[in-house]
Amino acid sequence: MYGMPSVLSMKEVDLQCHIYAMKCEDESQVQMHLESLMWMQEQLIGMTVGLADADLIMVILGSLPKSYCPLINAITMSAAHAKVNLKPDNVIENLLDEFENLAIKDAQLKASKNALAAAGKNRKKGEKSHDNKGNTPKSNHTEAECWNCSKRDISEGTAVL
């Protein structure tokens, strides 16, 4: 049995199996997921059985939620077009940038939904929004709040003082 590689310990085998099996299903947990993958890679490197860069990148990209597919395609296609080898640190940096951008967009979306919900709650029960001609709703104000409706009422001679 000359030239055979040394036998891996059970811990090394378990850690390698775990890193290959990891999946991030929740978009809000991508940063934590990437940190876990890198921690496991550091553990494997400490045992002198770390994944090669190409394998680690494959594990990282293959473990992300489906919403990251466009970014994964952009990363891999640009690397192929530029004929450069990807480095795990660069891939993770791009993924974390995207994670932060998605978090900002999500916060903005929640804020606008909350603002719309608050505007709807401020309307008195039974009041309906209307356009300035009393037609289908186009603006977010009621007839009682409408400065233009009171002008129309005055011009029609129906204003109440």
N, C-alpha and C. Protein backbone atom coordinates (compact mmCIF):
# COMPACT_ATOMS: atom_id res chain seq x y z
N MET A 1 0.82 -1.18 0.00
CA MET A 1 0.00 0.00 0.00
C MET A 1 0.88 1.25 0.00
N TYR A 2 1.83 1.28 -0.86
CA TYR A 2 2.71 2.43 -0.95
C TYR A 2 2.03 3.54 -1.75
N GLY A 3 2.27 4.77 -1.36
CA GLY A 3 1.76 5.91 -2.08
C GLY A 3 0.29 6.20 -1.84
N MET A 4 -0.33 5.49 -0.92
CA MET A 4 -1.74 5.76 -0.62
C MET A 4 -1.85 7.00 0.25
N PRO A 5 -2.85 7.84 0.01
CA PRO A 5 -3.02 9.01 0.84
C PRO A 5 -3.37 8.60 2.27
N SER A 6 -3.06 9.48 3.19
CA SER A 6 -3.37 9.18 4.59
C SER A 6 -4.88 9.09 4.77
N VAL A 7 -5.29 8.31 5.71
CA VAL A 7 -6.70 8.11 5.98
C VAL A 7 -7.26 9.35 6.68
N LEU A 8 -8.41 9.80 6.19
CA LEU A 8 -9.04 10.97 6.79
C LEU A 8 -9.68 10.59 8.11
N SER A 9 -9.65 11.50 9.04
CA SER A 9 -10.33 11.25 10.31
C SER A 9 -11.83 11.39 10.11
N MET A 10 -12.57 10.85 11.03
CA MET A 10 -14.04 10.93 10.94
C MET A 10 -14.49 12.39 10.97
N LYS A 11 -13.81 13.23 11.72
CA LYS A 11 -14.17 14.65 11.80
C LYS A 11 -13.96 15.34 10.45
N GLU A 12 -12.89 15.02 9.77
CA GLU A 12 -12.62 15.60 8.46
C GLU A 12 -13.67 15.18 7.44
N VAL A 13 -14.01 13.90 7.46
CA VAL A 13 -15.02 13.38 6.54
C VAL A 13 -16.36 14.04 6.82
N ASP A 14 -16.73 14.13 8.09
CA ASP A 14 -18.01 14.72 8.48
C ASP A 14 -18.08 16.19 8.06
N LEU A 15 -17.01 16.94 8.28
CA LEU A 15 -16.99 18.36 7.93
C LEU A 15 -17.06 18.55 6.41
N GLN A 16 -16.36 17.71 5.66
CA GLN A 16 -16.42 17.83 4.20
C GLN A 16 -17.82 17.48 3.68
N CYS A 17 -18.42 16.44 4.24
CA CYS A 17 -19.79 16.10 3.84
C CYS A 17 -20.75 17.23 4.16
N HIS A 18 -20.57 17.82 5.31
CA HIS A 18 -21.46 18.89 5.74
C HIS A 18 -21.33 20.13 4.85
N ILE A 19 -20.11 20.50 4.49
CA ILE A 19 -19.91 21.70 3.67
C ILE A 19 -20.51 21.49 2.27
N TYR A 20 -20.42 20.27 1.73
CA TYR A 20 -21.00 20.00 0.42
C TYR A 20 -22.53 19.95 0.46
N ALA A 21 -23.09 19.60 1.61
CA ALA A 21 -24.54 19.45 1.73
C ALA A 21 -25.26 20.73 2.12
N MET A 22 -24.53 21.75 2.52
CA MET A 22 -25.18 22.98 3.00
C MET A 22 -25.97 23.68 1.91
N LYS A 23 -27.15 24.16 2.27
CA LYS A 23 -28.00 24.95 1.38
C LYS A 23 -28.56 26.11 2.18
N CYS A 24 -28.66 27.25 1.54
CA CYS A 24 -29.27 28.43 2.16
C CYS A 24 -30.62 28.64 1.48
N GLU A 25 -31.68 28.32 2.17
CA GLU A 25 -33.02 28.45 1.61
C GLU A 25 -33.62 29.83 1.88
N ASP A 26 -33.19 30.47 2.94
CA ASP A 26 -33.77 31.74 3.36
C ASP A 26 -32.88 32.90 2.91
N GLU A 27 -33.44 33.77 2.08
CA GLU A 27 -32.66 34.90 1.55
C GLU A 27 -32.13 35.82 2.64
N SER A 28 -32.81 35.88 3.77
CA SER A 28 -32.38 36.78 4.83
C SER A 28 -31.20 36.21 5.62
N GLN A 29 -30.81 34.97 5.32
CA GLN A 29 -29.72 34.32 6.06
C GLN A 29 -28.46 34.10 5.22
N VAL A 30 -28.37 34.74 4.08
CA VAL A 30 -27.24 34.51 3.17
C VAL A 30 -25.91 34.88 3.82
N GLN A 31 -25.86 36.00 4.50
CA GLN A 31 -24.60 36.41 5.11
C GLN A 31 -24.14 35.38 6.15
N MET A 32 -25.05 34.94 6.99
CA MET A 32 -24.71 33.94 8.00
C MET A 32 -24.28 32.63 7.34
N HIS A 33 -24.96 32.27 6.26
CA HIS A 33 -24.62 31.05 5.53
C HIS A 33 -23.19 31.13 4.98
N LEU A 34 -22.85 32.26 4.37
CA LEU A 34 -21.50 32.41 3.82
C LEU A 34 -20.45 32.38 4.92
N GLU A 35 -20.76 33.00 6.05
CA GLU A 35 -19.83 32.96 7.18
C GLU A 35 -19.63 31.53 7.67
N SER A 36 -20.69 30.75 7.71
CA SER A 36 -20.59 29.34 8.13
C SER A 36 -19.73 28.54 7.16
N LEU A 37 -19.93 28.75 5.86
CA LEU A 37 -19.13 28.04 4.86
C LEU A 37 -17.64 28.38 5.02
N MET A 38 -17.35 29.65 5.22
CA MET A 38 -15.95 30.06 5.34
C MET A 38 -15.34 29.54 6.64
N TRP A 39 -16.12 29.48 7.71
CA TRP A 39 -15.62 28.94 8.97
C TRP A 39 -15.27 27.46 8.78
N MET A 40 -16.14 26.71 8.09
CA MET A 40 -15.87 25.29 7.84
C MET A 40 -14.63 25.11 6.97
N GLN A 41 -14.49 25.97 5.97
CA GLN A 41 -13.29 25.91 5.11
C GLN A 41 -12.04 26.17 5.94
N GLU A 42 -12.09 27.12 6.85
CA GLU A 42 -10.93 27.39 7.72
C GLU A 42 -10.61 26.17 8.59
N GLN A 43 -11.65 25.50 9.08
CA GLN A 43 -11.44 24.29 9.88
C GLN A 43 -10.77 23.20 9.03
N LEU A 44 -11.25 23.04 7.80
CA LEU A 44 -10.66 22.04 6.92
C LEU A 44 -9.21 22.38 6.57
N ILE A 45 -8.93 23.66 6.34
CA ILE A 45 -7.55 24.08 6.05
C ILE A 45 -6.66 23.76 7.24
N GLY A 46 -7.18 23.99 8.45
CA GLY A 46 -6.42 23.66 9.66
C GLY A 46 -6.11 22.17 9.77
N MET A 47 -6.94 21.34 9.15
CA MET A 47 -6.72 19.89 9.14
C MET A 47 -5.97 19.46 7.88
N THR A 48 -5.53 20.44 7.09
CA THR A 48 -4.81 20.26 5.82
C THR A 48 -5.63 19.52 4.76
N VAL A 49 -6.95 19.66 4.83
CA VAL A 49 -7.81 19.04 3.81
C VAL A 49 -8.83 20.05 3.28
N GLY A 50 -8.43 21.32 3.22
CA GLY A 50 -9.32 22.36 2.73
C GLY A 50 -9.70 22.13 1.27
N LEU A 51 -10.84 22.65 0.89
CA LEU A 51 -11.30 22.54 -0.49
C LEU A 51 -10.45 23.43 -1.39
N ALA A 52 -10.24 22.99 -2.61
CA ALA A 52 -9.56 23.83 -3.60
C ALA A 52 -10.48 25.02 -3.91
N ASP A 53 -9.91 26.12 -4.39
CA ASP A 53 -10.70 27.33 -4.67
C ASP A 53 -11.88 27.04 -5.58
N ALA A 54 -11.66 26.28 -6.65
CA ALA A 54 -12.74 25.99 -7.59
C ALA A 54 -13.86 25.19 -6.92
N ASP A 55 -13.48 24.23 -6.06
CA ASP A 55 -14.49 23.45 -5.35
C ASP A 55 -15.26 24.31 -4.35
N LEU A 56 -14.55 25.18 -3.65
CA LEU A 56 -15.20 26.04 -2.67
C LEU A 56 -16.18 26.99 -3.37
N ILE A 57 -15.78 27.55 -4.50
CA ILE A 57 -16.68 28.44 -5.25
C ILE A 57 -17.90 27.66 -5.72
N MET A 58 -17.70 26.43 -6.18
CA MET A 58 -18.82 25.59 -6.60
C MET A 58 -19.78 25.36 -5.43
N VAL A 59 -19.24 25.07 -4.26
CA VAL A 59 -20.07 24.85 -3.07
C VAL A 59 -20.83 26.13 -2.73
N ILE A 60 -20.14 27.26 -2.74
CA ILE A 60 -20.77 28.54 -2.38
C ILE A 60 -21.91 28.85 -3.34
N LEU A 61 -21.63 28.85 -4.63
CA LEU A 61 -22.64 29.24 -5.62
C LEU A 61 -23.79 28.24 -5.68
N GLY A 62 -23.48 26.97 -5.49
CA GLY A 62 -24.52 25.94 -5.54
C GLY A 62 -25.40 25.90 -4.30
N SER A 63 -25.01 26.58 -3.25
CA SER A 63 -25.76 26.52 -2.00
C SER A 63 -26.67 27.72 -1.79
N LEU A 64 -26.69 28.65 -2.73
CA LEU A 64 -27.46 29.89 -2.56
C LEU A 64 -28.92 29.73 -2.97
N PRO A 65 -29.79 30.62 -2.46
CA PRO A 65 -31.21 30.58 -2.86
C PRO A 65 -31.35 30.86 -4.36
N LYS A 66 -32.46 30.42 -4.92
CA LYS A 66 -32.73 30.58 -6.36
C LYS A 66 -32.73 32.03 -6.80
N SER A 67 -33.06 32.95 -5.91
CA SER A 67 -33.10 34.37 -6.27
C SER A 67 -31.73 34.92 -6.64
N TYR A 68 -30.67 34.19 -6.30
CA TYR A 68 -29.31 34.63 -6.62
C TYR A 68 -28.84 34.12 -7.98
N CYS A 69 -29.66 33.36 -8.69
CA CYS A 69 -29.26 32.81 -9.99
C CYS A 69 -28.78 33.87 -10.99
N PRO A 70 -29.48 35.01 -11.12
CA PRO A 70 -28.97 36.02 -12.07
C PRO A 70 -27.56 36.52 -11.70
N LEU A 71 -27.32 36.71 -10.42
CA LEU A 71 -25.99 37.16 -10.00
C LEU A 71 -24.95 36.06 -10.23
N ILE A 72 -25.31 34.82 -9.93
CA ILE A 72 -24.39 33.70 -10.16
C ILE A 72 -24.03 33.62 -11.64
N ASN A 73 -25.04 33.75 -12.50
CA ASN A 73 -24.77 33.75 -13.95
C ASN A 73 -23.87 34.90 -14.36
N ALA A 74 -24.11 36.08 -13.81
CA ALA A 74 -23.28 37.24 -14.14
C ALA A 74 -21.83 37.03 -13.70
N ILE A 75 -21.64 36.49 -12.51
CA ILE A 75 -20.29 36.25 -12.00
C ILE A 75 -19.55 35.23 -12.86
N THR A 76 -20.21 34.12 -13.13
CA THR A 76 -19.53 33.06 -13.88
C THR A 76 -19.29 33.45 -15.34
N MET A 77 -20.27 34.13 -15.95
CA MET A 77 -20.11 34.54 -17.35
C MET A 77 -19.03 35.61 -17.50
N SER A 78 -18.99 36.56 -16.58
CA SER A 78 -17.96 37.61 -16.69
C SER A 78 -16.57 37.03 -16.46
N ALA A 79 -16.45 36.06 -15.56
CA ALA A 79 -15.15 35.42 -15.33
C ALA A 79 -14.73 34.63 -16.57
N ALA A 80 -15.66 33.93 -17.18
CA ALA A 80 -15.35 33.16 -18.38
C ALA A 80 -14.97 34.08 -19.54
N HIS A 81 -15.71 35.18 -19.68
CA HIS A 81 -15.44 36.12 -20.76
C HIS A 81 -14.08 36.80 -20.58
N ALA A 82 -13.76 37.15 -19.33
CA ALA A 82 -12.49 37.81 -19.05
C ALA A 82 -11.34 36.81 -18.93
N LYS A 83 -11.68 35.53 -18.95
CA LYS A 83 -10.68 34.46 -18.84
C LYS A 83 -9.83 34.61 -17.58
N VAL A 84 -10.54 34.81 -16.46
CA VAL A 84 -9.86 34.90 -15.16
C VAL A 84 -10.39 33.80 -14.26
N ASN A 85 -9.56 33.39 -13.33
CA ASN A 85 -9.98 32.42 -12.34
C ASN A 85 -10.63 33.16 -11.17
N LEU A 86 -11.78 32.69 -10.78
CA LEU A 86 -12.47 33.30 -9.64
C LEU A 86 -11.76 32.94 -8.35
N LYS A 87 -11.79 33.85 -7.41
CA LYS A 87 -11.26 33.62 -6.07
C LYS A 87 -12.42 33.63 -5.09
N PRO A 88 -12.45 32.72 -4.14
CA PRO A 88 -13.56 32.66 -3.19
C PRO A 88 -13.84 33.99 -2.49
N ASP A 89 -12.80 34.71 -2.11
CA ASP A 89 -13.00 35.99 -1.41
C ASP A 89 -13.73 37.00 -2.30
N ASN A 90 -13.39 37.05 -3.59
CA ASN A 90 -14.05 37.97 -4.52
C ASN A 90 -15.51 37.59 -4.74
N VAL A 91 -15.76 36.29 -4.86
CA VAL A 91 -17.13 35.81 -5.04
C VAL A 91 -17.97 36.17 -3.82
N ILE A 92 -17.43 35.92 -2.64
CA ILE A 92 -18.16 36.23 -1.41
C ILE A 92 -18.41 37.73 -1.29
N GLU A 93 -17.43 38.54 -1.66
CA GLU A 93 -17.60 40.00 -1.61
C GLU A 93 -18.76 40.43 -2.52
N ASN A 94 -18.82 39.89 -3.72
CA ASN A 94 -19.93 40.21 -4.64
C ASN A 94 -21.27 39.75 -4.08
N LEU A 95 -21.29 38.57 -3.50
CA LEU A 95 -22.53 38.05 -2.93
C LEU A 95 -23.00 38.88 -1.74
N LEU A 96 -22.07 39.31 -0.90
CA LEU A 96 -22.44 40.14 0.25
C LEU A 96 -22.93 41.52 -0.20
N ASP A 97 -22.34 42.06 -1.27
CA ASP A 97 -22.83 43.33 -1.82
C ASP A 97 -24.28 43.17 -2.27
N GLU A 98 -24.57 42.07 -2.97
CA GLU A 98 -25.93 41.82 -3.43
C GLU A 98 -26.88 41.61 -2.25
N PHE A 99 -26.41 40.91 -1.23
CA PHE A 99 -27.22 40.69 -0.03
C PHE A 99 -27.59 42.03 0.61
N GLU A 100 -26.61 42.94 0.71
CA GLU A 100 -26.87 44.26 1.30
C GLU A 100 -27.84 45.06 0.42
N ASN A 101 -27.67 45.00 -0.89
CA ASN A 101 -28.59 45.71 -1.80
C ASN A 101 -30.01 45.18 -1.67
N LEU A 102 -30.15 43.86 -1.59
CA LEU A 102 -31.48 43.28 -1.43
C LEU A 102 -32.09 43.66 -0.09
N ALA A 103 -31.28 43.72 0.95
CA ALA A 103 -31.78 44.11 2.28
C ALA A 103 -32.26 45.56 2.28
N ILE A 104 -31.53 46.44 1.59
CA ILE A 104 -31.94 47.84 1.49
C ILE A 104 -33.25 47.96 0.72
N LYS A 105 -33.34 47.26 -0.42
CA LYS A 105 -34.58 47.30 -1.20
C LYS A 105 -35.75 46.74 -0.42
N ASP A 106 -35.52 45.68 0.34
CA ASP A 106 -36.57 45.08 1.15
C ASP A 106 -37.04 46.07 2.22
N ALA A 107 -36.11 46.77 2.87
CA ALA A 107 -36.47 47.75 3.88
C ALA A 107 -37.26 48.91 3.27
N GLN A 108 -36.86 49.36 2.10
CA GLN A 108 -37.58 50.44 1.42
C GLN A 108 -38.99 49.99 1.03
N LEU A 109 -39.13 48.77 0.57
CA LEU A 109 -40.43 48.24 0.19
C LEU A 109 -41.34 48.14 1.41
N LYS A 110 -40.80 47.66 2.53
CA LYS A 110 -41.59 47.57 3.76
C LYS A 110 -42.01 48.96 4.24
N ALA A 111 -41.10 49.94 4.14
CA ALA A 111 -41.43 51.30 4.57
C ALA A 111 -42.54 51.89 3.71
N SER A 112 -42.49 51.66 2.40
CA SER A 112 -43.54 52.22 1.53
C SER A 112 -44.86 51.51 1.77
N LYS A 113 -44.83 50.19 2.03
CA LYS A 113 -46.06 49.48 2.36
C LYS A 113 -46.66 50.00 3.65
N ASN A 114 -45.80 50.26 4.65
CA ASN A 114 -46.28 50.79 5.92
C ASN A 114 -46.88 52.18 5.75
N ALA A 115 -46.27 53.00 4.90
CA ALA A 115 -46.78 54.34 4.65
C ALA A 115 -48.15 54.27 3.97
N LEU A 116 -48.28 53.37 3.01
CA LEU A 116 -49.57 53.21 2.33
C LEU A 116 -50.63 52.69 3.29
N ALA A 117 -50.24 51.76 4.14
CA ALA A 117 -51.20 51.22 5.10
C ALA A 117 -51.62 52.29 6.10
N ALA A 118 -50.67 53.12 6.53
CA ALA A 118 -51.00 54.19 7.47
C ALA A 118 -51.91 55.22 6.82
N ALA A 119 -51.69 55.53 5.55
CA ALA A 119 -52.54 56.49 4.85
C ALA A 119 -53.96 55.93 4.74
N GLY A 120 -54.07 54.65 4.50
CA GLY A 120 -55.39 54.03 4.40
C GLY A 120 -56.11 53.99 5.73
N LYS A 121 -55.37 53.86 6.82
CA LYS A 121 -55.98 53.80 8.15
C LYS A 121 -56.43 55.17 8.62
N ASN A 122 -55.81 56.23 8.11
CA ASN A 122 -56.18 57.59 8.53
C ASN A 122 -57.50 58.04 7.95
N ARG A 123 -57.96 57.39 6.89
CA ARG A 123 -59.22 57.74 6.27
C ARG A 123 -60.35 57.28 7.18
N LYS A 124 -61.37 58.12 7.33
CA LYS A 124 -62.52 57.76 8.17
C LYS A 124 -63.29 56.65 7.51
N LYS A 125 -63.90 55.82 8.33
CA LYS A 125 -64.66 54.68 7.81
C LYS A 125 -65.80 55.19 6.94
N GLY A 126 -65.95 54.59 5.80
CA GLY A 126 -67.03 54.96 4.89
C GLY A 126 -66.61 56.02 3.87
N GLU A 127 -65.50 56.75 4.12
CA GLU A 127 -65.05 57.73 3.14
C GLU A 127 -64.33 57.02 2.01
N LYS A 128 -64.49 57.52 0.84
CA LYS A 128 -63.82 56.93 -0.31
C LYS A 128 -62.92 57.98 -0.94
N SER A 129 -61.80 57.52 -1.45
CA SER A 129 -60.95 58.46 -2.16
C SER A 129 -61.58 58.73 -3.53
N HIS A 130 -61.24 59.85 -4.12
CA HIS A 130 -61.84 60.22 -5.39
C HIS A 130 -60.88 61.08 -6.17
N ASP A 131 -61.15 61.24 -7.45
CA ASP A 131 -60.39 62.21 -8.21
C ASP A 131 -61.09 63.56 -8.05
N ASN A 132 -60.54 64.58 -8.60
CA ASN A 132 -61.08 65.91 -8.39
C ASN A 132 -62.41 66.15 -9.11
N LYS A 133 -62.88 65.19 -9.87
CA LYS A 133 -64.14 65.32 -10.57
C LYS A 133 -65.19 64.37 -10.00
N GLY A 134 -64.82 63.66 -8.92
CA GLY A 134 -65.75 62.74 -8.30
C GLY A 134 -65.83 61.40 -9.01
N ASN A 135 -64.88 61.11 -9.91
CA ASN A 135 -64.90 59.86 -10.66
C ASN A 135 -64.18 58.76 -9.87
N THR A 136 -63.68 57.77 -10.58
CA THR A 136 -63.01 56.65 -9.94
C THR A 136 -61.80 57.12 -9.14
N PRO A 137 -61.43 56.41 -8.08
CA PRO A 137 -60.31 56.84 -7.25
C PRO A 137 -58.99 56.91 -8.01
N LYS A 138 -58.36 58.07 -7.92
CA LYS A 138 -57.04 58.24 -8.52
C LYS A 138 -56.07 58.83 -7.52
N SER A 139 -56.55 59.55 -6.55
CA SER A 139 -55.67 60.16 -5.57
C SER A 139 -56.01 59.61 -4.20
N ASN A 140 -55.18 59.91 -3.26
CA ASN A 140 -55.35 59.34 -1.93
C ASN A 140 -55.87 60.41 -0.96
N HIS A 141 -56.98 61.05 -1.31
CA HIS A 141 -57.61 61.99 -0.39
C HIS A 141 -59.12 61.84 -0.50
N THR A 142 -59.79 62.35 0.50
CA THR A 142 -61.24 62.24 0.51
C THR A 142 -61.86 63.54 0.04
N GLU A 143 -63.14 63.50 -0.24
CA GLU A 143 -63.83 64.69 -0.72
C GLU A 143 -63.78 65.80 0.33
N ALA A 144 -63.85 65.44 1.60
CA ALA A 144 -63.79 66.43 2.67
C ALA A 144 -62.44 67.13 2.73
N GLU A 145 -61.38 66.42 2.31
CA GLU A 145 -60.03 66.99 2.34
C GLU A 145 -59.67 67.73 1.07
N CYS A 146 -60.48 67.67 0.05
CA CYS A 146 -60.11 68.12 -1.27
C CYS A 146 -60.30 69.62 -1.43
N TRP A 147 -59.23 70.33 -1.62
CA TRP A 147 -59.30 71.78 -1.84
C TRP A 147 -59.94 72.08 -3.19
N ASN A 148 -59.73 71.21 -4.16
CA ASN A 148 -60.25 71.44 -5.50
C ASN A 148 -61.77 71.24 -5.55
N CYS A 149 -62.28 70.32 -4.73
CA CYS A 149 -63.72 70.09 -4.71
C CYS A 149 -64.44 71.30 -4.14
N SER A 150 -63.85 71.93 -3.14
CA SER A 150 -64.51 73.11 -2.57
C SER A 150 -64.51 74.25 -3.58
N LYS A 151 -63.48 74.36 -4.43
CA LYS A 151 -63.47 75.37 -5.49
C LYS A 151 -64.56 75.08 -6.50
N ARG A 152 -64.71 73.79 -6.85
CA ARG A 152 -65.73 73.40 -7.80
C ARG A 152 -67.11 73.72 -7.23
N ASP A 153 -67.31 73.44 -5.94
CA ASP A 153 -68.60 73.72 -5.33
C ASP A 153 -68.90 75.21 -5.35
N ILE A 154 -67.88 76.04 -5.13
CA ILE A 154 -68.07 77.49 -5.14
C ILE A 154 -68.43 77.95 -6.55
N SER A 155 -67.70 77.42 -7.57
CA SER A 155 -67.99 77.84 -8.94
C SER A 155 -69.36 77.37 -9.40
N GLU A 156 -69.86 76.28 -8.84
CA GLU A 156 -71.19 75.79 -9.20
C GLU A 156 -72.27 76.47 -8.35
N GLY A 157 -71.83 77.27 -7.40
CA GLY A 157 -72.80 77.99 -6.55
C GLY A 157 -73.40 77.10 -5.48
N THR A 158 -72.71 75.99 -5.13
CA THR A 158 -73.24 75.09 -4.13
C THR A 158 -72.40 75.06 -2.87
N ALA A 159 -71.48 75.98 -2.72
CA ALA A 159 -70.61 75.97 -1.55
C ALA A 159 -71.39 76.24 -0.29
N VAL A 160 -71.03 75.52 0.72
CA VAL A 160 -71.69 75.71 2.03
C VAL A 160 -70.73 76.49 2.89
N LEU A 161 -71.21 77.54 3.48
CA LEU A 161 -70.34 78.37 4.33
C LEU A 161 -70.54 78.07 5.78
